Protein backbone atom coordinates (compact mmCIF):
# COMPACT_ATOMS: atom_id res chain seq x y z
CA THR A 1 16.22 5.15 10.47
CA HIS A 2 18.48 8.10 11.11
CA SER A 3 17.24 7.86 14.78
CA SER A 4 19.48 8.86 17.59
CA LYS A 5 19.52 9.11 21.39
CA GLU A 6 17.88 12.56 20.98
CA ILE A 7 14.69 10.82 19.73
CA SER A 8 12.85 9.08 22.56
CA ASP A 9 10.80 5.88 22.19
CA VAL A 10 7.72 7.96 23.21
CA GLU A 11 8.10 10.10 20.08
CA ILE A 12 7.98 7.10 17.72
CA SER A 13 5.82 4.64 19.67
CA ILE A 14 2.63 2.98 18.27
CA PRO A 15 -0.07 1.93 20.75
CA GLY A 16 -0.27 -1.84 21.09
CA PHE A 17 3.23 -2.41 19.72
CA ARG A 18 6.59 -2.94 21.43
CA ILE A 19 9.49 -1.00 19.98
CA PHE A 20 12.95 -2.51 19.51
CA ARG A 21 15.55 -0.14 18.21
CA ARG A 22 19.27 0.14 17.56
CA ASP A 23 20.42 3.61 16.77
CA ARG A 24 23.58 4.37 14.80
CA ASP A 25 26.62 3.30 16.79
CA PHE A 26 29.35 5.77 16.05
CA SER A 27 31.86 3.54 17.91
CA VAL A 28 31.96 1.50 14.64
CA ALA A 29 34.35 4.24 13.53
CA SER A 30 37.13 2.67 15.59
CA ASN A 31 37.56 0.07 12.84
CA VAL A 32 37.05 2.32 9.82
CA GLU A 33 38.11 5.77 8.80
CA GLU A 34 36.30 8.44 10.79
CA ALA A 35 35.45 10.34 7.62
CA SER A 36 33.64 7.32 6.14
CA VAL A 37 30.99 7.09 8.86
CA SER A 38 27.77 8.79 7.81
CA ASN A 39 24.86 10.09 9.88
CA GLY A 40 22.46 7.45 8.68
CA GLY A 41 22.05 3.84 9.88
CA GLY A 42 20.17 2.19 12.62
CA CYS A 43 17.01 0.02 12.75
CA VAL A 44 13.64 -0.13 14.37
CA ILE A 45 11.29 -3.08 14.61
CA PHE A 46 7.68 -2.80 15.91
CA ILE A 47 5.98 -6.03 17.08
CA LYS A 48 2.47 -6.30 18.44
CA ASP A 49 2.53 -6.77 22.20
CA ILE A 50 0.24 -9.82 22.04
CA LEU A 51 2.93 -11.69 20.06
CA ASN A 52 5.18 -11.80 23.20
CA PRO A 53 8.23 -10.29 21.44
CA SER A 54 11.73 -10.44 22.95
CA LEU A 55 15.12 -9.19 21.94
CA ILE A 56 17.63 -11.69 20.64
CA ASP A 57 20.52 -10.35 22.67
CA TRP A 58 23.32 -12.46 21.11
CA PHE A 59 22.69 -10.83 17.64
CA LYS A 60 25.61 -8.42 17.75
CA VAL A 61 25.72 -6.59 14.44
CA PRO A 62 26.41 -2.83 14.30
CA ASP A 63 23.34 -0.68 13.63
CA SER A 64 21.14 -3.83 13.51
CA ILE A 65 18.70 -5.63 15.76
CA ALA A 66 16.97 -9.04 15.99
CA VAL A 67 13.71 -10.02 17.77
CA GLU A 68 11.73 -13.21 18.19
CA PHE A 69 8.00 -13.47 18.60
CA ASP A 70 5.07 -15.92 18.82
CA SER A 71 2.95 -16.84 15.83
CA ASN A 72 0.41 -19.48 14.91
CA ILE A 73 3.26 -21.60 13.48
CA GLY A 74 5.65 -21.08 16.47
CA ARG A 75 8.36 -18.63 17.28
CA ILE A 76 9.66 -16.49 14.46
CA ASN A 77 12.94 -14.54 14.30
CA ILE A 78 13.09 -11.23 12.47
CA ALA A 79 16.24 -9.16 11.98
CA CYS A 80 16.49 -5.63 10.70
CA VAL A 81 20.01 -5.16 9.34
CA TYR A 82 21.76 -1.97 8.25
CA ARG A 83 25.01 -2.78 6.50
CA SER A 84 27.03 0.33 6.22
CA VAL A 85 29.33 0.62 3.19
CA SER A 86 31.99 1.57 5.76
CA LEU A 87 32.10 -1.83 7.45
CA SER A 88 35.47 -3.55 7.44
CA ARG A 89 35.93 -7.05 6.00
CA ASN A 90 36.01 -8.38 9.56
CA GLN A 91 32.76 -6.61 10.46
CA ASN A 92 31.19 -8.04 7.26
CA THR A 93 32.27 -11.56 8.32
CA ILE A 94 30.77 -11.10 11.76
CA MET A 95 27.50 -9.77 10.30
CA THR A 96 27.25 -12.74 7.89
CA SER A 97 27.96 -15.26 10.69
CA MET A 98 25.29 -13.66 12.95
CA ILE A 99 22.72 -13.83 10.15
CA LYS A 100 23.62 -17.51 9.57
CA LYS A 101 23.37 -18.26 13.29
CA LEU A 102 19.97 -16.55 13.36
CA ALA A 103 18.72 -18.62 10.41
CA ASP A 104 20.08 -21.84 11.97
CA SER A 105 18.48 -21.11 15.35
CA ASN A 106 14.91 -21.29 14.17
CA GLU A 107 13.10 -22.73 11.14
CA GLU A 108 11.31 -19.47 10.56
CA SER A 109 13.53 -16.43 10.24
CA ILE A 110 13.06 -13.15 8.33
CA VAL A 111 15.97 -10.81 7.49
CA VAL A 112 15.22 -7.40 6.11
CA GLY A 113 17.16 -4.16 5.85
CA ASP A 114 19.52 -1.99 3.88
CA PHE A 115 22.45 -4.13 2.74
CA ASN A 116 24.11 -1.49 0.54
CA LEU A 117 25.14 -4.12 -2.05
């Protein structure tokens, strides 16, 4: 998204939708070379208010976010993942385990994003 703390929710809000965002976390640099961290990254998910969306707070992946919401087939998980090419092997392992946990926690899960494969 290239969003940052300087961009408020009001600037990007859509009437009737709840915004969930995770801006680029530059603290990731503690595990990678400072020079390898770019200005990109981050994710935003917009979910209609009437779908009763809520943040999945245990989904701890840098620059990524997961939300669950109501649908006519039950609760659905959706994750927006930004996988930086700068992630360490350990951070990649954590990301993979979080995505697996998300998929295992609900029959209906959607994972989208920029995986930089």
